[in-house]
Amino acid sequence: MLSPRMMPSLIRQLSSVSTKMPCHSLNLSESQTRAMWRAADCVCFDVDSTVCMDEAIDELAKFAGREKEVADLTERAMKGGMTFREALEQRLQLIQPDMQMVETYIRENPPRLSPGIEELVGHLQSRGVAVYLVSGGFQSIIEPVATELGIPHENIFANQLKFYFNGRYAGFETNQPTSNQDGKARVIQYLKKKFGYQRVVMVGDGATDLAACPPADAFIGYGGNQIREKVKAASPWFVESFSDLVKELSMA
């Protein structure tokens, strides 16, 4: 796991990454995307509504008794006029997730993994494929997910909540790339530069996942929990079950 001393350096590297690359990955056909999936040396999964069945911030809002207010704000944000970071900041201001709330939430709400994800991650790891969780959610809530899937915590790229010395909510780390609309793209470009991955596949359900391709070499849309029509329409290959991805690997 990355130590606190290493984080500022990592954040600086990620923040300096340019994502202005030729747009080619989404022009792959379904058969080309399937071939890229079989040959992938790195797979990045979204977490909310992809690896997990729910959206953590919505569940945290429900836990805090602010479900309706946060849902209304989310709906307004989806209609435009608000950046990804602004929407995140305003929802967290409504929830006010202090340290005790977050710890209790994690203790009382174990991860609800999407069907088939454990088998899929196991298959990928047995093939020597690097697996990462890249999310606009929160590190502390995603760590139990990674533990259950056998993914090292240093392979999590997510937002980090901040707390005052008395445990009260103090905001979130705005230098984390995942607090931006293009944050997942920045993370993938960083991983390719640092580790030399040649065939990176992004799997997810949302617009920020789609926006990560490129620099991801292929994108697979996932609709097992939520089908977002714009993402489905733009995905060269769209699946509603992780078993489809497992089956494709068996053809390699």
C-alpha atoms as a PDB file:
ATOM      1  CA  MET A   1       0.000   0.000   0.000  1.00  0.00           C
ATOM      2  CA  LEU A   2       1.290   3.483  -0.853  1.00  0.00           C
ATOM      3  CA  SER A   3       2.597   5.314   2.188  1.00  0.00           C
ATOM      4  CA  PRO A   4       1.415   8.875   2.968  1.00  0.00           C
ATOM      5  CA  ARG A   5       4.926  10.101   2.061  1.00  0.00           C
ATOM      6  CA  MET A   6       4.576   8.685  -1.436  1.00  0.00           C
ATOM      7  CA  MET A   7       1.130  10.131  -2.164  1.00  0.00           C
ATOM      8  CA  PRO A   8       2.120  13.783  -2.913  1.00  0.00           C
ATOM      9  CA  SER A   9       4.657  12.581  -5.487  1.00  0.00           C
ATOM     10  CA  LEU A  10       2.110  10.245  -7.072  1.00  0.00           C
ATOM     11  CA  ILE A  11      -0.536  12.987  -7.210  1.00  0.00           C
ATOM     12  CA  ARG A  12       1.933  15.360  -8.909  1.00  0.00           C
ATOM     13  CA  GLN A  13       2.763  12.737 -11.529  1.00  0.00           C
ATOM     14  CA  LEU A  14      -0.913  12.040 -12.211  1.00  0.00           C
ATOM     15  CA  SER A  15      -1.837  15.717 -12.376  1.00  0.00           C
ATOM     16  CA  SER A  16       0.855  16.356 -14.987  1.00  0.00           C
ATOM     17  CA  VAL A  17      -0.310  13.599 -17.299  1.00  0.00           C
ATOM     18  CA  SER A  18      -1.799  14.794 -20.575  1.00  0.00           C
ATOM     19  CA  THR A  19      -4.826  12.933 -21.901  1.00  0.00           C
ATOM     20  CA  LYS A  20      -4.840  14.663 -25.283  1.00  0.00           C
ATOM     21  CA  MET A  21      -4.396  11.601 -27.465  1.00  0.00           C
ATOM     22  CA  PRO A  22      -5.811  10.570 -30.850  1.00  0.00           C
ATOM     23  CA  CYS A  23      -9.337   9.245 -30.441  1.00  0.00           C
ATOM     24  CA  HIS A  24      -9.118   5.734 -31.838  1.00  0.00           C
ATOM     25  CA  SER A  25     -10.031   3.179 -29.187  1.00  0.00           C
ATOM     26  CA  LEU A  26     -13.808   3.547 -29.472  1.00  0.00           C
ATOM     27  CA  ASN A  27     -13.528   3.064 -33.220  1.00  0.00           C
ATOM     28  CA  LEU A  28     -12.657  -0.593 -32.677  1.00  0.00           C
ATOM     29  CA  SER A  29     -15.262  -3.069 -33.839  1.00  0.00           C
ATOM     30  CA  GLU A  30     -16.813  -5.521 -31.404  1.00  0.00           C
ATOM     31  CA  SER A  31     -14.583  -8.317 -32.705  1.00  0.00           C
ATOM     32  CA  GLN A  32     -11.489  -6.123 -32.321  1.00  0.00           C
ATOM     33  CA  THR A  33     -12.555  -5.177 -28.791  1.00  0.00           C
ATOM     34  CA  ARG A  34     -13.036  -8.847 -27.943  1.00  0.00           C
ATOM     35  CA  ALA A  35      -9.566  -9.618 -29.294  1.00  0.00           C
ATOM     36  CA  MET A  36      -8.076  -6.771 -27.235  1.00  0.00           C
ATOM     37  CA  TRP A  37      -9.849  -8.143 -24.150  1.00  0.00           C
ATOM     38  CA  ARG A  38      -8.345 -11.593 -24.685  1.00  0.00           C
ATOM     39  CA  ALA A  39      -4.879 -10.090 -25.100  1.00  0.00           C
ATOM     40  CA  ALA A  40      -5.100  -7.447 -22.323  1.00  0.00           C
ATOM     41  CA  ASP A  41      -2.114  -7.009 -20.032  1.00  0.00           C
ATOM     42  CA  CYS A  42      -3.999  -4.574 -17.763  1.00  0.00           C
ATOM     43  CA  VAL A  43      -7.699  -4.217 -16.904  1.00  0.00           C
ATOM     44  CA  CYS A  44      -9.153  -1.229 -15.063  1.00  0.00           C
ATOM     45  CA  PHE A  45     -12.598  -1.626 -13.513  1.00  0.00           C
ATOM     46  CA  ASP A  46     -14.972   1.078 -12.385  1.00  0.00           C
ATOM     47  CA  VAL A  47     -16.398   0.236  -8.958  1.00  0.00           C
ATOM     48  CA  ASP A  48     -19.839   1.795  -8.401  1.00  0.00           C
ATOM     49  CA  SER A  49     -22.520  -0.054 -10.402  1.00  0.00           C
ATOM     50  CA  THR A  50     -19.795  -2.158 -12.016  1.00  0.00           C
ATOM     51  CA  VAL A  51     -17.681  -4.158  -9.570  1.00  0.00           C
ATOM     52  CA  CYS A  52     -20.293  -3.400  -6.918  1.00  0.00           C
ATOM     53  CA  MET A  53     -24.051  -3.465  -7.391  1.00  0.00           C
ATOM     54  CA  ASP A  54     -24.706  -0.017  -5.960  1.00  0.00           C
ATOM     55  CA  GLU A  55     -23.432   3.565  -5.939  1.00  0.00           C
ATOM     56  CA  ALA A  56     -21.507   4.155  -2.720  1.00  0.00           C
ATOM     57  CA  ILE A  57     -22.301   7.860  -2.444  1.00  0.00           C
ATOM     58  CA  ASP A  58     -26.044   7.137  -2.771  1.00  0.00           C
ATOM     59  CA  GLU A  59     -25.824   4.409  -0.146  1.00  0.00           C
ATOM     60  CA  LEU A  60     -23.839   6.708   2.154  1.00  0.00           C
ATOM     61  CA  ALA A  61     -26.486   9.419   1.670  1.00  0.00           C
ATOM     62  CA  LYS A  62     -29.195   6.921   2.589  1.00  0.00           C
ATOM     63  CA  PHE A  63     -27.178   5.920   5.667  1.00  0.00           C
ATOM     64  CA  ALA A  64     -26.916   9.602   6.650  1.00  0.00           C
ATOM     65  CA  GLY A  65     -30.626  10.264   6.093  1.00  0.00           C
ATOM     66  CA  ARG A  66     -29.982  12.607   3.148  1.00  0.00           C
ATOM     67  CA  GLU A  67     -31.047  10.284   0.343  1.00  0.00           C
ATOM     68  CA  LYS A  68     -33.678  12.544  -1.269  1.00  0.00           C
ATOM     69  CA  GLU A  69     -31.570  15.710  -1.188  1.00  0.00           C
ATOM     70  CA  VAL A  70     -28.582  13.950  -2.731  1.00  0.00           C
ATOM     71  CA  ALA A  71     -30.754  12.240  -5.371  1.00  0.00           C
ATOM     72  CA  ASP A  72     -32.250  15.610  -6.360  1.00  0.00           C
ATOM     73  CA  LEU A  73     -28.780  17.142  -6.630  1.00  0.00           C
ATOM     74  CA  THR A  74     -27.518  14.196  -8.690  1.00  0.00           C
ATOM     75  CA  GLU A  75     -30.440  14.584 -11.092  1.00  0.00           C
ATOM     76  CA  ARG A  76     -29.684  18.289 -11.524  1.00  0.00           C
ATOM     77  CA  ALA A  77     -26.015  17.518 -12.120  1.00  0.00           C
ATOM     78  CA  MET A  78     -26.842  14.959 -14.819  1.00  0.00           C
ATOM     79  CA  LYS A  79     -28.794  17.624 -16.710  1.00  0.00           C
ATOM     80  CA  GLY A  80     -25.656  19.733 -17.010  1.00  0.00           C
ATOM     81  CA  GLY A  81     -24.440  23.032 -15.655  1.00  0.00           C
ATOM     82  CA  MET A  82     -22.270  21.412 -12.991  1.00  0.00           C
ATOM     83  CA  THR A  83     -18.836  19.829 -13.250  1.00  0.00           C
ATOM     84  CA  PHE A  84     -18.107  16.363 -11.904  1.00  0.00           C
ATOM     85  CA  ARG A  85     -16.078  17.870  -9.041  1.00  0.00           C
ATOM     86  CA  GLU A  86     -18.762  20.432  -8.179  1.00  0.00           C
ATOM     87  CA  ALA A  87     -21.384  17.692  -8.012  1.00  0.00           C
ATOM     88  CA  LEU A  88     -19.134  15.578  -5.800  1.00  0.00           C
ATOM     89  CA  GLU A  89     -18.398  18.511  -3.501  1.00  0.00           C
ATOM     90  CA  GLN A  90     -22.057  19.514  -3.122  1.00  0.00           C
ATOM     91  CA  ARG A  91     -23.229  15.965  -2.427  1.00  0.00           C
ATOM     92  CA  LEU A  92     -20.584  15.519   0.243  1.00  0.00           C
ATOM     93  CA  GLN A  93     -21.550  18.854   1.795  1.00  0.00           C
ATOM     94  CA  LEU A  94     -25.095  17.520   2.149  1.00  0.00           C
ATOM     95  CA  ILE A  95     -23.975  14.191   3.625  1.00  0.00           C
ATOM     96  CA  GLN A  96     -21.230  15.572   5.917  1.00  0.00           C
ATOM     97  CA  PRO A  97     -19.550  12.144   6.261  1.00  0.00           C
ATOM     98  CA  ASP A  98     -17.498  12.381   9.439  1.00  0.00           C
ATOM     99  CA  MET A  99     -14.981   9.713  10.414  1.00  0.00           C
ATOM    100  CA  GLN A 100     -17.350   7.870  12.746  1.00  0.00           C
ATOM    101  CA  MET A 101     -20.096   7.757  10.119  1.00  0.00           C
ATOM    102  CA  VAL A 102     -17.757   6.345   7.485  1.00  0.00           C
ATOM    103  CA  GLU A 103     -16.309   3.739   9.837  1.00  0.00           C
ATOM    104  CA  THR A 104     -19.793   2.644  10.937  1.00  0.00           C
ATOM    105  CA  TYR A 105     -21.044   2.547   7.360  1.00  0.00           C
ATOM    106  CA  ILE A 106     -18.153   0.323   6.263  1.00  0.00           C
ATOM    107  CA  ARG A 107     -18.642  -1.976   9.258  1.00  0.00           C
ATOM    108  CA  GLU A 108     -22.395  -2.350   8.719  1.00  0.00           C
ATOM    109  CA  ASN A 109     -22.395  -2.466   4.916  1.00  0.00           C
ATOM    110  CA  PRO A 110     -20.070  -5.123   3.485  1.00  0.00           C
ATOM    111  CA  PRO A 111     -19.470  -4.893  -0.278  1.00  0.00           C
ATOM    112  CA  ARG A 112     -22.320  -6.071  -2.523  1.00  0.00           C
ATOM    113  CA  LEU A 113     -20.270  -7.488  -5.364  1.00  0.00           C
ATOM    114  CA  SER A 114     -21.781  -7.862  -8.821  1.00  0.00           C
ATOM    115  CA  PRO A 115     -22.390 -11.500  -9.790  1.00  0.00           C
ATOM    116  CA  GLY A 116     -19.389 -13.064 -11.474  1.00  0.00           C
ATOM    117  CA  ILE A 117     -16.813 -10.391 -10.627  1.00  0.00           C
ATOM    118  CA  GLU A 118     -14.868 -12.638  -8.240  1.00  0.00           C
ATOM    119  CA  GLU A 119     -14.532 -15.347 -10.872  1.00  0.00           C
ATOM    120  CA  LEU A 120     -13.567 -12.800 -13.518  1.00  0.00           C
ATOM    121  CA  VAL A 121     -10.868 -11.138 -11.416  1.00  0.00           C
ATOM    122  CA  GLY A 122      -9.536 -14.575 -10.482  1.00  0.00           C
ATOM    123  CA  HIS A 123      -9.288 -15.547 -14.164  1.00  0.00           C
ATOM    124  CA  LEU A 124      -7.485 -12.348 -15.046  1.00  0.00           C
ATOM    125  CA  GLN A 125      -4.994 -12.673 -12.197  1.00  0.00           C
ATOM    126  CA  SER A 126      -4.293 -16.320 -13.061  1.00  0.00           C
ATOM    127  CA  ARG A 127      -3.303 -15.100 -16.543  1.00  0.00           C
ATOM    128  CA  GLY A 128      -0.910 -12.529 -15.102  1.00  0.00           C
ATOM    129  CA  VAL A 129      -3.130  -9.574 -16.031  1.00  0.00           C
ATOM    130  CA  ALA A 130      -2.774  -6.524 -13.775  1.00  0.00           C
ATOM    131  CA  VAL A 131      -6.146  -5.522 -12.273  1.00  0.00           C
ATOM    132  CA  TYR A 132      -6.934  -2.030 -10.977  1.00  0.00           C
ATOM    133  CA  LEU A 133      -9.972  -0.368  -9.420  1.00  0.00           C
ATOM    134  CA  VAL A 134     -10.329   3.167 -10.793  1.00  0.00           C
ATOM    135  CA  SER A 135     -13.228   5.037  -9.263  1.00  0.00           C
ATOM    136  CA  GLY A 136     -14.775   8.395  -8.545  1.00  0.00           C
ATOM    137  CA  GLY A 137     -15.785   6.860  -5.206  1.00  0.00           C
ATOM    138  CA  PHE A 138     -13.850   6.766  -1.978  1.00  0.00           C
ATOM    139  CA  GLN A 139     -10.671   4.919  -1.091  1.00  0.00           C
ATOM    140  CA  SER A 140     -11.814   3.924   2.397  1.00  0.00           C
ATOM    141  CA  ILE A 141     -15.041   2.351   1.096  1.00  0.00           C
ATOM    142  CA  ILE A 142     -13.306   0.613  -1.819  1.00  0.00           C
ATOM    143  CA  GLU A 143     -10.527  -0.985   0.243  1.00  0.00           C
ATOM    144  CA  PRO A 144     -12.828  -3.751   1.598  1.00  0.00           C
ATOM    145  CA  VAL A 145     -13.912  -4.432  -2.001  1.00  0.00           C
ATOM    146  CA  ALA A 146     -10.287  -4.835  -3.095  1.00  0.00           C
ATOM    147  CA  THR A 147      -9.554  -7.073  -0.109  1.00  0.00           C
ATOM    148  CA  GLU A 148     -12.472  -9.358  -0.956  1.00  0.00           C
ATOM    149  CA  LEU A 149     -11.306  -9.617  -4.571  1.00  0.00           C
ATOM    150  CA  GLY A 150      -7.643 -10.128  -3.722  1.00  0.00           C
ATOM    151  CA  ILE A 151      -6.617  -6.865  -5.394  1.00  0.00           C
ATOM    152  CA  PRO A 152      -3.698  -5.021  -3.723  1.00  0.00           C
ATOM    153  CA  HIS A 153      -4.743  -1.742  -2.134  1.00  0.00           C
ATOM    154  CA  GLU A 154      -2.027   0.052  -4.088  1.00  0.00           C
ATOM    155  CA  ASN A 155      -4.034  -0.848  -7.202  1.00  0.00           C
ATOM    156  CA  ILE A 156      -6.895   1.412  -6.069  1.00  0.00           C
ATOM    157  CA  PHE A 157      -7.176   4.893  -7.563  1.00  0.00           C
ATOM    158  CA  ALA A 158     -10.044   6.774  -5.930  1.00  0.00           C
ATOM    159  CA  ASN A 159     -10.976   9.902  -4.008  1.00  0.00           C
ATOM    160  CA  GLN A 160      -9.879  10.421  -0.438  1.00  0.00           C
ATOM    161  CA  LEU A 161     -12.037  11.968   2.262  1.00  0.00           C
ATOM    162  CA  LYS A 162     -10.416  14.379   4.712  1.00  0.00           C
ATOM    163  CA  PHE A 163     -11.212  14.815   8.395  1.00  0.00           C
ATOM    164  CA  TYR A 164     -10.370  17.344  11.086  1.00  0.00           C
ATOM    165  CA  PHE A 165      -8.497  16.205  14.197  1.00  0.00           C
ATOM    166  CA  ASN A 166     -11.839  15.665  15.976  1.00  0.00           C
ATOM    167  CA  GLY A 167     -13.120  13.430  13.194  1.00  0.00           C
ATOM    168  CA  ARG A 168     -15.444  15.948  11.562  1.00  0.00           C
ATOM    169  CA  TYR A 169     -15.723  16.024   7.780  1.00  0.00           C
ATOM    170  CA  ALA A 170     -13.150  18.358   6.237  1.00  0.00           C
ATOM    171  CA  GLY A 171     -13.698  17.857   2.514  1.00  0.00           C
ATOM    172  CA  PHE A 172     -11.881  15.655   0.046  1.00  0.00           C
ATOM    173  CA  GLU A 173      -8.465  15.641  -1.575  1.00  0.00           C
ATOM    174  CA  THR A 174      -8.954  17.876  -4.617  1.00  0.00           C
ATOM    175  CA  ASN A 175      -5.556  16.951  -6.070  1.00  0.00           C
ATOM    176  CA  GLN A 176      -6.696  13.384  -6.641  1.00  0.00           C
ATOM    177  CA  PRO A 177      -7.189  12.965 -10.409  1.00  0.00           C
ATOM    178  CA  THR A 178     -10.384  10.940  -9.886  1.00  0.00           C
ATOM    179  CA  SER A 179     -12.133  14.045  -8.571  1.00  0.00           C
ATOM    180  CA  ASN A 180     -12.136  15.336 -12.165  1.00  0.00           C
ATOM    181  CA  GLN A 181     -14.234  14.308 -15.160  1.00  0.00           C
ATOM    182  CA  ASP A 182     -11.100  13.103 -16.987  1.00  0.00           C
ATOM    183  CA  GLY A 183      -9.487  11.599 -13.895  1.00  0.00           C
ATOM    184  CA  LYS A 184      -9.762   7.971 -15.003  1.00  0.00           C
ATOM    185  CA  ALA A 185      -8.052   8.814 -18.275  1.00  0.00           C
ATOM    186  CA  ARG A 186      -5.228  10.448 -16.331  1.00  0.00           C
ATOM    187  CA  VAL A 187      -4.830   7.371 -14.159  1.00  0.00           C
ATOM    188  CA  ILE A 188      -4.668   5.022 -17.148  1.00  0.00           C
ATOM    189  CA  GLN A 189      -2.138   7.192 -18.948  1.00  0.00           C
ATOM    190  CA  TYR A 190      -0.032   7.231 -15.760  1.00  0.00           C
ATOM    191  CA  LEU A 191      -0.200   3.424 -15.479  1.00  0.00           C
ATOM    192  CA  LYS A 192       0.832   2.977 -19.116  1.00  0.00           C
ATOM    193  CA  LYS A 193       3.758   5.326 -18.694  1.00  0.00           C
ATOM    194  CA  LYS A 194       4.922   3.857 -15.382  1.00  0.00           C
ATOM    195  CA  PHE A 195       4.498   0.138 -16.101  1.00  0.00           C
ATOM    196  CA  GLY A 196       4.601   0.010 -19.881  1.00  0.00           C
ATOM    197  CA  TYR A 197       1.218  -1.659 -20.346  1.00  0.00           C
ATOM    198  CA  GLN A 198       0.456  -2.116 -24.038  1.00  0.00           C
ATOM    199  CA  ARG A 199      -3.135  -3.342 -24.031  1.00  0.00           C
ATOM    200  CA  VAL A 200      -5.238  -1.638 -21.348  1.00  0.00           C
ATOM    201  CA  VAL A 201      -8.981  -2.316 -21.226  1.00  0.00           C
ATOM    202  CA  MET A 202     -11.411  -0.146 -19.238  1.00  0.00           C
ATOM    203  CA  VAL A 203     -14.632  -1.771 -18.027  1.00  0.00           C
ATOM    204  CA  GLY A 204     -17.442   0.361 -16.630  1.00  0.00           C
ATOM    205  CA  ASP A 205     -21.001   1.615 -16.770  1.00  0.00           C
ATOM    206  CA  GLY A 206     -20.649   5.376 -16.852  1.00  0.00           C
ATOM    207  CA  ALA A 207     -19.601   8.393 -18.874  1.00  0.00           C
ATOM    208  CA  THR A 208     -16.322   8.877 -16.984  1.00  0.00           C
ATOM    209  CA  ASP A 209     -15.410   5.261 -17.838  1.00  0.00           C
ATOM    210  CA  LEU A 210     -16.160   5.859 -21.508  1.00  0.00           C
ATOM    211  CA  ALA A 211     -14.067   9.042 -21.368  1.00  0.00           C
ATOM    212  CA  ALA A 212     -11.036   6.980 -20.274  1.00  0.00           C
ATOM    213  CA  CYS A 213     -10.777   5.470 -23.760  1.00  0.00           C
ATOM    214  CA  PRO A 214      -8.376   6.663 -25.015  1.00  0.00           C
ATOM    215  CA  PRO A 215      -5.858   6.422 -23.412  1.00  0.00           C
ATOM    216  CA  ALA A 216      -7.296   2.956 -22.652  1.00  0.00           C
ATOM    217  CA  ASP A 217      -6.832   0.758 -25.727  1.00  0.00           C
ATOM    218  CA  ALA A 218     -10.377  -0.619 -25.522  1.00  0.00           C
ATOM    219  CA  PHE A 219     -13.590  -0.005 -23.629  1.00  0.00           C
ATOM    220  CA  ILE A 220     -16.221  -2.539 -22.588  1.00  0.00           C
ATOM    221  CA  GLY A 221     -19.540  -1.153 -21.397  1.00  0.00           C
ATOM    222  CA  TYR A 222     -21.180  -2.960 -18.480  1.00  0.00           C
ATOM    223  CA  GLY A 223     -24.916  -2.888 -17.795  1.00  0.00           C
ATOM    224  CA  GLY A 224     -25.436  -5.595 -15.200  1.00  0.00           C
ATOM    225  CA  ASN A 225     -26.673  -3.083 -12.610  1.00  0.00           C
ATOM    226  CA  GLN A 226     -27.490   0.107 -14.524  1.00  0.00           C
ATOM    227  CA  ILE A 227     -27.887   0.512 -18.267  1.00  0.00           C
ATOM    228  CA  ARG A 228     -26.937   4.012 -19.332  1.00  0.00           C
ATOM    229  CA  GLU A 229     -28.172   4.330 -22.900  1.00  0.00           C
ATOM    230  CA  LYS A 230     -25.535   6.820 -24.073  1.00  0.00           C
ATOM    231  CA  VAL A 231     -22.764   4.552 -22.822  1.00  0.00           C
ATOM    232  CA  LYS A 232     -24.402   1.489 -24.357  1.00  0.00           C
ATOM    233  CA  ALA A 233     -24.742   3.231 -27.721  1.00  0.00           C
ATOM    234  CA  ALA A 234     -21.086   4.304 -27.727  1.00  0.00           C
ATOM    235  CA  SER A 235     -19.647   0.963 -26.566  1.00  0.00           C
ATOM    236  CA  PRO A 236     -18.139  -1.286 -29.247  1.00  0.00           C
ATOM    237  CA  TRP A 237     -18.918  -4.208 -26.937  1.00  0.00           C
ATOM    238  CA  PHE A 238     -21.593  -3.966 -24.222  1.00  0.00           C
ATOM    239  CA  VAL A 239     -22.260  -6.787 -21.743  1.00  0.00           C
ATOM    240  CA  GLU A 240     -24.800  -7.255 -18.987  1.00  0.00           C
ATOM    241  CA  SER A 241     -23.034 -10.167 -17.295  1.00  0.00           C
ATOM    242  CA  PHE A 242     -19.429 -10.730 -16.324  1.00  0.00           C
ATOM    243  CA  SER A 243     -19.844 -14.328 -17.424  1.00  0.00           C
ATOM    244  CA  ASP A 244     -19.604 -13.043 -21.023  1.00  0.00           C
ATOM    245  CA  LEU A 245     -16.125 -11.708 -20.266  1.00  0.00           C
ATOM    246  CA  VAL A 246     -15.094 -14.956 -18.569  1.00  0.00           C
ATOM    247  CA  LYS A 247     -16.288 -16.953 -21.599  1.00  0.00           C
ATOM    248  CA  GLU A 248     -14.338 -14.732 -23.951  1.00  0.00           C
ATOM    249  CA  LEU A 249     -11.152 -15.320 -21.976  1.00  0.00           C
ATOM    250  CA  SER A 250     -11.607 -19.075 -22.367  1.00  0.00           C
ATOM    251  CA  MET A 251     -11.317 -18.598 -26.139  1.00  0.00           C
ATOM    252  CA  ALA A 252      -7.836 -17.129 -25.894  1.00  0.00           C
END
